[in-house]
Amino acid sequence: MAMLRQALWQGAVAGAAGCAAMTLTEELEQRITGRPDSHVPGRTLQRLVGMPPSADGRRPALNLGMHWGQGIVLGVLRSVMAQAGLRGPWSSAMFTVCRLTNDQILENATGVGAPPWTWPRDELVTDLSHKAVYGFVTGAVADRLAAREGPGPGERHALLAPGRRQDVGPVPVGRGRGR
């Protein structure tokens, strides 16, 4: 239970940091490329909560709410990963896929988006790049916060015997995480 409490606040912090980094890189990229803001997040939230569409299809508050809300909530998942001992670049790459999958499920289920393989390649590369920034920054912050508690169970298991080995049982449950 303590691990989940830690994951909640640490994940919110990590997710907010990742979202801030993604927002900064999006702003920079848009200044360079001239790409307009996407209103897909706001339209997705609008559909999810059953709001009628706006006349121009834009609701900046909903866009920001969905952008930051998803970033912070999904940060908790990355924090749970870090608490369990799934840390580092591999884990951040796995998490980036989770972030992309979450977006696609919500956008496609609401009819706001289309599957990524139907997108123009430049849009796809742009989206993947920004989500990677989010995933890796969120991961770095979550990993750093979780490391203050010592190695997670998966890391402790790897210290006994690296890899997935049938001859090594689960690590003993101790009073402290680092034991």
N, C-alpha and C. Protein backbone atom coordinates (compact mmCIF):
# COMPACT_ATOMS: atom_id res chain seq x y z
N MET A 1 0.81 -1.19 0.00
CA MET A 1 0.00 0.00 0.00
C MET A 1 0.86 1.27 0.00
N ALA A 2 1.98 1.21 0.73
CA ALA A 2 2.88 2.37 0.77
C ALA A 2 3.44 2.65 -0.63
N MET A 3 3.72 1.56 -1.37
CA MET A 3 4.25 1.74 -2.72
C MET A 3 3.24 2.49 -3.59
N LEU A 4 1.97 2.17 -3.45
CA LEU A 4 0.95 2.85 -4.26
C LEU A 4 0.81 4.32 -3.86
N ARG A 5 0.90 4.62 -2.58
CA ARG A 5 0.84 6.02 -2.15
C ARG A 5 2.02 6.80 -2.75
N GLN A 6 3.20 6.18 -2.68
CA GLN A 6 4.38 6.81 -3.27
C GLN A 6 4.17 7.02 -4.77
N ALA A 7 3.65 6.00 -5.43
CA ALA A 7 3.46 6.06 -6.88
C ALA A 7 2.48 7.16 -7.27
N LEU A 8 1.48 7.40 -6.45
CA LEU A 8 0.49 8.43 -6.78
C LEU A 8 1.12 9.81 -6.83
N TRP A 9 1.77 10.21 -5.75
CA TRP A 9 2.32 11.57 -5.76
C TRP A 9 3.54 11.68 -6.67
N GLN A 10 4.38 10.65 -6.66
CA GLN A 10 5.57 10.70 -7.52
C GLN A 10 5.17 10.65 -8.99
N GLY A 11 4.15 9.87 -9.31
CA GLY A 11 3.68 9.79 -10.69
C GLY A 11 3.07 11.10 -11.17
N ALA A 12 2.33 11.76 -10.28
CA ALA A 12 1.76 13.05 -10.65
C ALA A 12 2.86 14.06 -10.94
N VAL A 13 3.89 14.07 -10.11
CA VAL A 13 5.03 14.97 -10.32
C VAL A 13 5.75 14.62 -11.62
N ALA A 14 6.04 13.33 -11.80
CA ALA A 14 6.75 12.89 -13.01
C ALA A 14 5.93 13.17 -14.27
N GLY A 15 4.63 12.88 -14.21
CA GLY A 15 3.77 13.12 -15.37
C GLY A 15 3.67 14.60 -15.71
N ALA A 16 3.60 15.45 -14.69
CA ALA A 16 3.56 16.89 -14.93
C ALA A 16 4.87 17.37 -15.56
N ALA A 17 5.99 16.82 -15.09
CA ALA A 17 7.29 17.20 -15.67
C ALA A 17 7.36 16.76 -17.13
N GLY A 18 6.92 15.54 -17.41
CA GLY A 18 6.92 15.05 -18.79
C GLY A 18 6.01 15.87 -19.68
N CYS A 19 4.85 16.23 -19.14
CA CYS A 19 3.89 17.03 -19.91
C CYS A 19 4.46 18.42 -20.18
N ALA A 20 5.13 19.00 -19.21
CA ALA A 20 5.75 20.32 -19.41
C ALA A 20 6.83 20.25 -20.48
N ALA A 21 7.64 19.20 -20.44
CA ALA A 21 8.69 19.05 -21.46
C ALA A 21 8.08 18.85 -22.84
N MET A 22 7.03 18.04 -22.93
CA MET A 22 6.38 17.82 -24.21
C MET A 22 5.77 19.13 -24.73
N THR A 23 5.16 19.89 -23.84
CA THR A 23 4.56 21.16 -24.24
C THR A 23 5.62 22.12 -24.77
N LEU A 24 6.75 22.19 -24.09
CA LEU A 24 7.83 23.07 -24.55
C LEU A 24 8.35 22.65 -25.92
N THR A 25 8.55 21.35 -26.13
CA THR A 25 9.05 20.90 -27.44
C THR A 25 8.00 21.11 -28.52
N GLU A 26 6.73 20.96 -28.17
CA GLU A 26 5.67 21.23 -29.16
C GLU A 26 5.67 22.70 -29.56
N GLU A 27 5.78 23.57 -28.58
CA GLU A 27 5.81 25.01 -28.86
C GLU A 27 7.00 25.37 -29.76
N LEU A 28 8.16 24.82 -29.44
CA LEU A 28 9.35 25.07 -30.24
C LEU A 28 9.17 24.54 -31.66
N GLU A 29 8.70 23.31 -31.77
CA GLU A 29 8.48 22.70 -33.10
C GLU A 29 7.46 23.51 -33.91
N GLN A 30 6.39 23.98 -33.28
CA GLN A 30 5.37 24.75 -34.00
C GLN A 30 5.91 26.10 -34.47
N ARG A 31 6.79 26.70 -33.70
CA ARG A 31 7.40 27.97 -34.14
C ARG A 31 8.28 27.75 -35.37
N ILE A 32 8.95 26.61 -35.40
CA ILE A 32 9.85 26.31 -36.52
C ILE A 32 9.05 25.88 -37.76
N THR A 33 8.07 25.00 -37.57
CA THR A 33 7.35 24.42 -38.71
C THR A 33 6.10 25.19 -39.11
N GLY A 34 5.57 26.00 -38.19
CA GLY A 34 4.32 26.70 -38.49
C GLY A 34 3.09 25.81 -38.33
N ARG A 35 3.26 24.63 -37.78
CA ARG A 35 2.13 23.71 -37.57
C ARG A 35 1.17 24.33 -36.57
N PRO A 36 -0.14 24.31 -36.87
CA PRO A 36 -1.12 24.86 -35.92
C PRO A 36 -1.35 23.92 -34.74
N ASP A 37 -1.97 24.45 -33.70
CA ASP A 37 -2.33 23.63 -32.55
C ASP A 37 -3.27 22.51 -32.96
N SER A 38 -3.14 21.38 -32.30
CA SER A 38 -4.07 20.28 -32.48
C SER A 38 -5.20 20.44 -31.48
N HIS A 39 -6.41 20.21 -31.93
CA HIS A 39 -7.57 20.28 -31.03
C HIS A 39 -8.15 18.89 -30.79
N VAL A 40 -7.40 17.88 -31.17
CA VAL A 40 -7.85 16.50 -30.98
C VAL A 40 -8.02 16.16 -29.49
N PRO A 41 -7.07 16.54 -28.61
CA PRO A 41 -7.28 16.22 -27.19
C PRO A 41 -8.60 16.79 -26.65
N GLY A 42 -8.87 18.05 -26.94
CA GLY A 42 -10.10 18.68 -26.45
C GLY A 42 -11.35 18.04 -27.04
N ARG A 43 -11.31 17.73 -28.31
CA ARG A 43 -12.46 17.07 -28.94
C ARG A 43 -12.69 15.68 -28.36
N THR A 44 -11.60 15.00 -28.05
CA THR A 44 -11.71 13.67 -27.44
C THR A 44 -12.37 13.77 -26.07
N LEU A 45 -11.91 14.70 -25.24
CA LEU A 45 -12.51 14.89 -23.92
C LEU A 45 -13.97 15.30 -24.04
N GLN A 46 -14.26 16.17 -24.98
CA GLN A 46 -15.62 16.61 -25.24
C GLN A 46 -16.54 15.40 -25.49
N ARG A 47 -16.08 14.49 -26.32
CA ARG A 47 -16.85 13.28 -26.62
C ARG A 47 -16.95 12.37 -25.41
N LEU A 48 -15.85 12.23 -24.67
CA LEU A 48 -15.84 11.34 -23.51
C LEU A 48 -16.84 11.76 -22.44
N VAL A 49 -16.98 13.06 -22.25
CA VAL A 49 -17.90 13.55 -21.21
C VAL A 49 -19.28 13.89 -21.76
N GLY A 50 -19.50 13.69 -23.05
CA GLY A 50 -20.82 13.89 -23.64
C GLY A 50 -21.22 15.32 -23.87
N MET A 51 -20.25 16.21 -24.03
CA MET A 51 -20.55 17.62 -24.31
C MET A 51 -20.89 17.80 -25.78
N PRO A 52 -21.78 18.71 -26.10
CA PRO A 52 -22.04 19.00 -27.51
C PRO A 52 -20.82 19.68 -28.13
N PRO A 53 -20.61 19.46 -29.42
CA PRO A 53 -19.45 20.10 -30.07
C PRO A 53 -19.59 21.61 -30.08
N SER A 54 -18.45 22.30 -30.01
CA SER A 54 -18.47 23.76 -30.10
C SER A 54 -18.61 24.14 -31.57
N ALA A 55 -19.00 25.36 -31.81
CA ALA A 55 -19.24 25.83 -33.17
C ALA A 55 -17.98 25.73 -34.05
N ASP A 56 -16.83 26.08 -33.48
CA ASP A 56 -15.60 26.06 -34.27
C ASP A 56 -14.75 24.81 -34.00
N GLY A 57 -15.23 23.92 -33.14
CA GLY A 57 -14.50 22.70 -32.84
C GLY A 57 -13.33 22.90 -31.89
N ARG A 58 -13.26 24.09 -31.29
CA ARG A 58 -12.13 24.39 -30.41
C ARG A 58 -12.63 24.80 -29.03
N ARG A 59 -12.09 24.17 -28.06
CA ARG A 59 -12.33 24.54 -26.67
C ARG A 59 -10.98 24.46 -25.96
N PRO A 60 -10.27 25.58 -25.91
CA PRO A 60 -8.92 25.56 -25.36
C PRO A 60 -8.83 24.97 -23.95
N ALA A 61 -9.81 25.24 -23.09
CA ALA A 61 -9.76 24.71 -21.73
C ALA A 61 -9.83 23.19 -21.73
N LEU A 62 -10.67 22.63 -22.60
CA LEU A 62 -10.76 21.17 -22.69
C LEU A 62 -9.46 20.60 -23.25
N ASN A 63 -8.89 21.28 -24.21
CA ASN A 63 -7.62 20.83 -24.79
C ASN A 63 -6.54 20.76 -23.72
N LEU A 64 -6.41 21.83 -22.95
CA LEU A 64 -5.42 21.86 -21.88
C LEU A 64 -5.73 20.82 -20.81
N GLY A 65 -7.00 20.69 -20.46
CA GLY A 65 -7.40 19.71 -19.45
C GLY A 65 -7.05 18.29 -19.85
N MET A 66 -7.31 17.95 -21.09
CA MET A 66 -7.02 16.60 -21.57
C MET A 66 -5.50 16.39 -21.69
N HIS A 67 -4.81 17.38 -22.22
CA HIS A 67 -3.36 17.31 -22.40
C HIS A 67 -2.67 17.08 -21.05
N TRP A 68 -2.95 17.94 -20.08
CA TRP A 68 -2.30 17.84 -18.78
C TRP A 68 -2.88 16.70 -17.95
N GLY A 69 -4.18 16.48 -18.04
CA GLY A 69 -4.80 15.40 -17.28
C GLY A 69 -4.24 14.04 -17.66
N GLN A 70 -4.17 13.77 -18.96
CA GLN A 70 -3.60 12.50 -19.41
C GLN A 70 -2.14 12.39 -18.98
N GLY A 71 -1.39 13.47 -19.14
CA GLY A 71 0.02 13.43 -18.79
C GLY A 71 0.25 13.13 -17.32
N ILE A 72 -0.54 13.73 -16.46
CA ILE A 72 -0.37 13.52 -15.02
C ILE A 72 -0.87 12.13 -14.61
N VAL A 73 -2.04 11.74 -15.08
CA VAL A 73 -2.60 10.44 -14.71
C VAL A 73 -1.70 9.30 -15.20
N LEU A 74 -1.24 9.38 -16.44
CA LEU A 74 -0.39 8.32 -16.96
C LEU A 74 0.99 8.31 -16.29
N GLY A 75 1.40 9.44 -15.73
CA GLY A 75 2.64 9.47 -14.97
C GLY A 75 2.60 8.50 -13.79
N VAL A 76 1.41 8.26 -13.25
CA VAL A 76 1.28 7.31 -12.15
C VAL A 76 1.66 5.91 -12.61
N LEU A 77 1.28 5.54 -13.81
CA LEU A 77 1.66 4.24 -14.36
C LEU A 77 3.18 4.13 -14.42
N ARG A 78 3.84 5.17 -14.91
CA ARG A 78 5.31 5.11 -15.01
C ARG A 78 5.94 5.05 -13.63
N SER A 79 5.33 5.71 -12.67
CA SER A 79 5.85 5.65 -11.31
C SER A 79 5.69 4.25 -10.73
N VAL A 80 4.57 3.59 -11.00
CA VAL A 80 4.39 2.21 -10.54
C VAL A 80 5.48 1.33 -11.16
N MET A 81 5.77 1.55 -12.42
CA MET A 81 6.85 0.80 -13.07
C MET A 81 8.16 1.01 -12.32
N ALA A 82 8.47 2.27 -12.02
CA ALA A 82 9.74 2.59 -11.34
C ALA A 82 9.76 2.00 -9.94
N GLN A 83 8.64 2.07 -9.22
CA GLN A 83 8.58 1.50 -7.88
C GLN A 83 8.82 -0.01 -7.91
N ALA A 84 8.35 -0.68 -8.97
CA ALA A 84 8.52 -2.12 -9.10
C ALA A 84 9.94 -2.50 -9.53
N GLY A 85 10.71 -1.52 -9.95
CA GLY A 85 12.07 -1.79 -10.38
C GLY A 85 12.26 -1.74 -11.89
N LEU A 86 11.22 -1.34 -12.60
CA LEU A 86 11.34 -1.17 -14.06
C LEU A 86 11.77 0.27 -14.32
N ARG A 87 13.08 0.46 -14.39
CA ARG A 87 13.64 1.79 -14.52
C ARG A 87 14.58 1.85 -15.72
N GLY A 88 14.89 3.06 -16.12
CA GLY A 88 15.85 3.28 -17.19
C GLY A 88 15.21 3.42 -18.55
N PRO A 89 16.05 3.55 -19.59
CA PRO A 89 15.56 3.81 -20.94
C PRO A 89 14.62 2.73 -21.50
N TRP A 90 14.90 1.45 -21.22
CA TRP A 90 13.99 0.41 -21.71
C TRP A 90 12.59 0.61 -21.16
N SER A 91 12.52 0.91 -19.89
CA SER A 91 11.22 1.11 -19.26
C SER A 91 10.54 2.37 -19.79
N SER A 92 11.31 3.40 -20.04
CA SER A 92 10.72 4.62 -20.61
C SER A 92 10.21 4.38 -22.03
N ALA A 93 10.92 3.55 -22.78
CA ALA A 93 10.45 3.20 -24.13
C ALA A 93 9.13 2.40 -24.04
N MET A 94 9.07 1.45 -23.11
CA MET A 94 7.82 0.68 -22.93
C MET A 94 6.68 1.62 -22.54
N PHE A 95 6.98 2.57 -21.66
CA PHE A 95 5.96 3.51 -21.21
C PHE A 95 5.50 4.44 -22.34
N THR A 96 6.42 4.85 -23.19
CA THR A 96 6.05 5.70 -24.33
C THR A 96 5.01 4.99 -25.20
N VAL A 97 5.19 3.70 -25.38
CA VAL A 97 4.20 2.93 -26.15
C VAL A 97 2.85 2.94 -25.43
N CYS A 98 2.87 2.85 -24.10
CA CYS A 98 1.61 2.92 -23.33
C CYS A 98 0.92 4.26 -23.54
N ARG A 99 1.71 5.33 -23.53
CA ARG A 99 1.13 6.67 -23.74
C ARG A 99 0.49 6.77 -25.13
N LEU A 100 1.21 6.31 -26.14
CA LEU A 100 0.68 6.34 -27.50
C LEU A 100 -0.58 5.48 -27.62
N THR A 101 -0.56 4.32 -26.98
CA THR A 101 -1.71 3.42 -27.02
C THR A 101 -2.92 4.06 -26.35
N ASN A 102 -2.71 4.69 -25.22
CA ASN A 102 -3.80 5.37 -24.52
C ASN A 102 -4.43 6.43 -25.42
N ASP A 103 -3.60 7.26 -26.02
CA ASP A 103 -4.12 8.29 -26.93
C ASP A 103 -4.96 7.68 -28.04
N GLN A 104 -4.42 6.64 -28.65
CA GLN A 104 -5.10 6.04 -29.81
C GLN A 104 -6.41 5.36 -29.42
N ILE A 105 -6.44 4.71 -28.28
CA ILE A 105 -7.69 4.09 -27.84
C ILE A 105 -8.76 5.15 -27.65
N LEU A 106 -8.44 6.21 -26.92
CA LEU A 106 -9.44 7.25 -26.65
C LEU A 106 -9.86 7.99 -27.92
N GLU A 107 -8.90 8.36 -28.75
CA GLU A 107 -9.22 9.11 -29.97
C GLU A 107 -10.01 8.26 -30.96
N ASN A 108 -9.64 7.01 -31.11
CA ASN A 108 -10.34 6.15 -32.06
C ASN A 108 -11.69 5.69 -31.54
N ALA A 109 -11.78 5.41 -30.24
CA ALA A 109 -13.06 4.96 -29.66
C ALA A 109 -14.12 6.06 -29.72
N THR A 110 -13.67 7.32 -29.63
CA THR A 110 -14.62 8.43 -29.69
C THR A 110 -14.90 8.89 -31.12
N GLY A 111 -14.15 8.35 -32.08
CA GLY A 111 -14.33 8.76 -33.47
C GLY A 111 -13.66 10.08 -33.80
N VAL A 112 -12.84 10.57 -32.90
CA VAL A 112 -12.16 11.85 -33.13
C VAL A 112 -10.89 11.65 -33.95
N GLY A 113 -10.23 10.50 -33.77
CA GLY A 113 -8.98 10.24 -34.46
C GLY A 113 -9.08 9.05 -35.38
N ALA A 114 -8.00 8.83 -36.08
CA ALA A 114 -7.89 7.70 -37.02
C ALA A 114 -6.63 6.91 -36.65
N PRO A 115 -6.58 5.63 -37.02
CA PRO A 115 -5.38 4.84 -36.72
C PRO A 115 -4.12 5.50 -37.29
N PRO A 116 -3.03 5.45 -36.53
CA PRO A 116 -1.81 6.15 -36.94
C PRO A 116 -1.26 5.74 -38.29
N TRP A 117 -1.46 4.50 -38.71
CA TRP A 117 -0.92 4.07 -39.99
C TRP A 117 -1.64 4.74 -41.16
N THR A 118 -2.74 5.47 -40.87
CA THR A 118 -3.44 6.20 -41.93
C THR A 118 -3.01 7.67 -41.98
N TRP A 119 -2.17 8.10 -41.05
CA TRP A 119 -1.76 9.49 -40.97
C TRP A 119 -0.69 9.82 -42.00
N PRO A 120 -0.60 11.08 -42.40
CA PRO A 120 0.57 11.50 -43.19
C PRO A 120 1.83 11.27 -42.35
N ARG A 121 2.90 10.85 -42.98
CA ARG A 121 4.12 10.48 -42.27
C ARG A 121 4.69 11.61 -41.42
N ASP A 122 4.62 12.84 -41.90
CA ASP A 122 5.17 13.94 -41.11
C ASP A 122 4.38 14.13 -39.81
N GLU A 123 3.05 13.97 -39.84
CA GLU A 123 2.25 14.06 -38.63
C GLU A 123 2.60 12.94 -37.66
N LEU A 124 2.80 11.75 -38.20
CA LEU A 124 3.13 10.59 -37.37
C LEU A 124 4.48 10.79 -36.68
N VAL A 125 5.48 11.23 -37.42
CA VAL A 125 6.80 11.46 -36.85
C VAL A 125 6.74 12.54 -35.77
N THR A 126 6.00 13.59 -36.03
CA THR A 126 5.86 14.67 -35.06
C THR A 126 5.22 14.16 -33.78
N ASP A 127 4.12 13.43 -33.89
CA ASP A 127 3.43 12.92 -32.71
C ASP A 127 4.31 11.94 -31.94
N LEU A 128 4.95 11.03 -32.64
CA LEU A 128 5.83 10.06 -31.97
C LEU A 128 6.97 10.76 -31.25
N SER A 129 7.52 11.79 -31.87
CA SER A 129 8.64 12.52 -31.26
C SER A 129 8.20 13.21 -29.97
N HIS A 130 7.07 13.89 -30.01
CA HIS A 130 6.60 14.59 -28.81
C HIS A 130 6.23 13.61 -27.70
N LYS A 131 5.62 12.49 -28.05
CA LYS A 131 5.26 11.50 -27.03
C LYS A 131 6.51 10.84 -26.46
N ALA A 132 7.56 10.69 -27.26
CA ALA A 132 8.81 10.15 -26.75
C ALA A 132 9.44 11.10 -25.74
N VAL A 133 9.39 12.40 -26.02
CA VAL A 133 9.89 13.38 -25.06
C VAL A 133 9.12 13.22 -23.74
N TYR A 134 7.80 13.15 -23.83
CA TYR A 134 6.98 12.96 -22.63
C TYR A 134 7.39 11.67 -21.90
N GLY A 135 7.47 10.56 -22.63
CA GLY A 135 7.75 9.27 -22.02
C GLY A 135 9.10 9.22 -21.32
N PHE A 136 10.13 9.78 -21.96
CA PHE A 136 11.47 9.69 -21.39
C PHE A 136 11.68 10.69 -20.26
N VAL A 137 11.10 11.87 -20.34
CA VAL A 137 11.21 12.82 -19.23
C VAL A 137 10.41 12.31 -18.03
N THR A 138 9.19 11.84 -18.27
CA THR A 138 8.39 11.27 -17.19
C THR A 138 9.15 10.12 -16.53
N GLY A 139 9.76 9.28 -17.35
CA GLY A 139 10.52 8.15 -16.83
C GLY A 139 11.71 8.57 -16.01
N ALA A 140 12.45 9.56 -16.48
CA ALA A 140 13.64 10.01 -15.74
C ALA A 140 13.25 10.54 -14.36
N VAL A 141 12.17 11.31 -14.30
CA VAL A 141 11.73 11.86 -13.01
C VAL A 141 11.19 10.75 -12.11
N ALA A 142 10.37 9.86 -12.66
CA ALA A 142 9.82 8.75 -11.87
C ALA A 142 10.94 7.85 -11.34
N ASP A 143 11.92 7.56 -12.19
CA ASP A 143 13.04 6.71 -11.77
C ASP A 143 13.83 7.36 -10.64
N ARG A 144 14.09 8.63 -10.79
CA ARG A 144 14.88 9.33 -9.77
C ARG A 144 14.15 9.37 -8.44
N LEU A 145 12.84 9.64 -8.47
CA LEU A 145 12.07 9.66 -7.23
C LEU A 145 11.99 8.28 -6.59
N ALA A 146 11.77 7.25 -7.40
CA ALA A 146 11.67 5.89 -6.86
C ALA A 146 13.01 5.40 -6.33
N ALA A 147 14.10 5.82 -6.93
CA ALA A 147 15.44 5.37 -6.50
C ALA A 147 15.76 5.82 -5.09
N ARG A 148 15.12 6.86 -4.61
CA ARG A 148 15.35 7.32 -3.23
C ARG A 148 14.93 6.26 -2.21
N GLU A 149 14.04 5.36 -2.63
CA GLU A 149 13.56 4.29 -1.75
C GLU A 149 14.42 3.03 -1.86
N GLY A 150 15.39 3.04 -2.76
CA GLY A 150 16.23 1.86 -2.97
C GLY A 150 15.72 1.07 -4.16
N PRO A 151 16.35 -0.09 -4.39
CA PRO A 151 15.94 -0.88 -5.55
C PRO A 151 14.54 -1.46 -5.38
N GLY A 152 13.82 -1.56 -6.48
CA GLY A 152 12.49 -2.17 -6.45
C GLY A 152 12.62 -3.68 -6.46
N PRO A 153 11.51 -4.40 -6.28
CA PRO A 153 11.55 -5.86 -6.23
C PRO A 153 12.20 -6.49 -7.46
N GLY A 154 11.90 -5.98 -8.63
CA GLY A 154 12.51 -6.53 -9.85
C GLY A 154 14.01 -6.34 -9.87
N GLU A 155 14.46 -5.18 -9.42
CA GLU A 155 15.90 -4.93 -9.35
C GLU A 155 16.57 -5.83 -8.32
N ARG A 156 15.90 -6.05 -7.18
CA ARG A 156 16.47 -6.94 -6.16
C ARG A 156 16.56 -8.37 -6.70
N HIS A 157 15.57 -8.78 -7.47
CA HIS A 157 15.60 -10.12 -8.07
C HIS A 157 16.78 -10.21 -9.04
N ALA A 158 16.98 -9.17 -9.84
CA ALA A 158 18.08 -9.18 -10.81
C ALA A 158 19.43 -9.24 -10.12
N LEU A 159 19.52 -8.67 -8.92
CA LEU A 159 20.78 -8.75 -8.17
C LEU A 159 21.08 -10.19 -7.74
N LEU A 160 20.02 -10.99 -7.48
CA LEU A 160 20.20 -12.39 -7.13
C LEU A 160 20.65 -13.20 -8.33
N ALA A 161 19.96 -12.98 -9.45
CA ALA A 161 20.28 -13.70 -10.68
C ALA A 161 19.62 -12.96 -11.84
N PRO A 162 20.41 -12.34 -12.71
CA PRO A 162 19.85 -11.60 -13.84
C PRO A 162 19.01 -12.50 -14.75
N GLY A 163 18.00 -11.91 -15.35
CA GLY A 163 17.17 -12.63 -16.32
C GLY A 163 15.99 -13.33 -15.68
N ARG A 164 15.24 -14.02 -16.52
CA ARG A 164 14.06 -14.76 -16.06
C ARG A 164 14.49 -16.20 -15.82
N ARG A 165 14.82 -16.51 -14.59
CA ARG A 165 15.36 -17.82 -14.27
C ARG A 165 14.38 -18.58 -13.39
N GLN A 166 14.09 -19.79 -13.79
CA GLN A 166 13.15 -20.61 -13.04
C GLN A 166 13.74 -21.11 -11.73
N ASP A 167 15.06 -21.14 -11.61
CA ASP A 167 15.68 -21.67 -10.40
C ASP A 167 15.82 -20.62 -9.30
N VAL A 168 15.33 -19.40 -9.53
CA VAL A 168 15.40 -18.35 -8.52
C VAL A 168 13.98 -17.91 -8.21
N GLY A 169 13.60 -18.07 -6.96
CA GLY A 169 12.24 -17.69 -6.55
C GLY A 169 12.12 -16.20 -6.34
N PRO A 170 10.95 -15.77 -5.92
CA PRO A 170 10.74 -14.34 -5.65
C PRO A 170 11.63 -13.87 -4.50
N VAL A 171 11.96 -12.59 -4.53
CA VAL A 171 12.76 -12.04 -3.44
C VAL A 171 11.90 -12.05 -2.18
N PRO A 172 12.52 -12.27 -1.03
CA PRO A 172 11.75 -12.28 0.22
C PRO A 172 11.12 -10.93 0.48
N VAL A 173 9.96 -10.94 1.07
CA VAL A 173 9.30 -9.70 1.45
C VAL A 173 9.88 -9.27 2.78
N GLY A 174 10.50 -8.11 2.77
CA GLY A 174 11.16 -7.63 3.98
C GLY A 174 10.45 -6.41 4.52
N ARG A 175 11.01 -5.88 5.59
CA ARG A 175 10.41 -4.68 6.19
C ARG A 175 10.76 -3.44 5.39
N GLY A 176 11.89 -3.45 4.71
CA GLY A 176 12.29 -2.29 3.91
C GLY A 176 12.43 -2.69 2.46
N ARG A 177 12.28 -1.71 1.60
CA ARG A 177 12.34 -2.00 0.16
C ARG A 177 13.73 -2.42 -0.26
N GLY A 178 14.74 -1.90 0.35
CA GLY A 178 16.09 -2.20 -0.07
C GLY A 178 16.66 -3.47 0.53
N ARG A 179 15.88 -4.17 1.31
CA ARG A 179 16.37 -5.40 1.98
C ARG A 179 16.05 -6.62 1.19
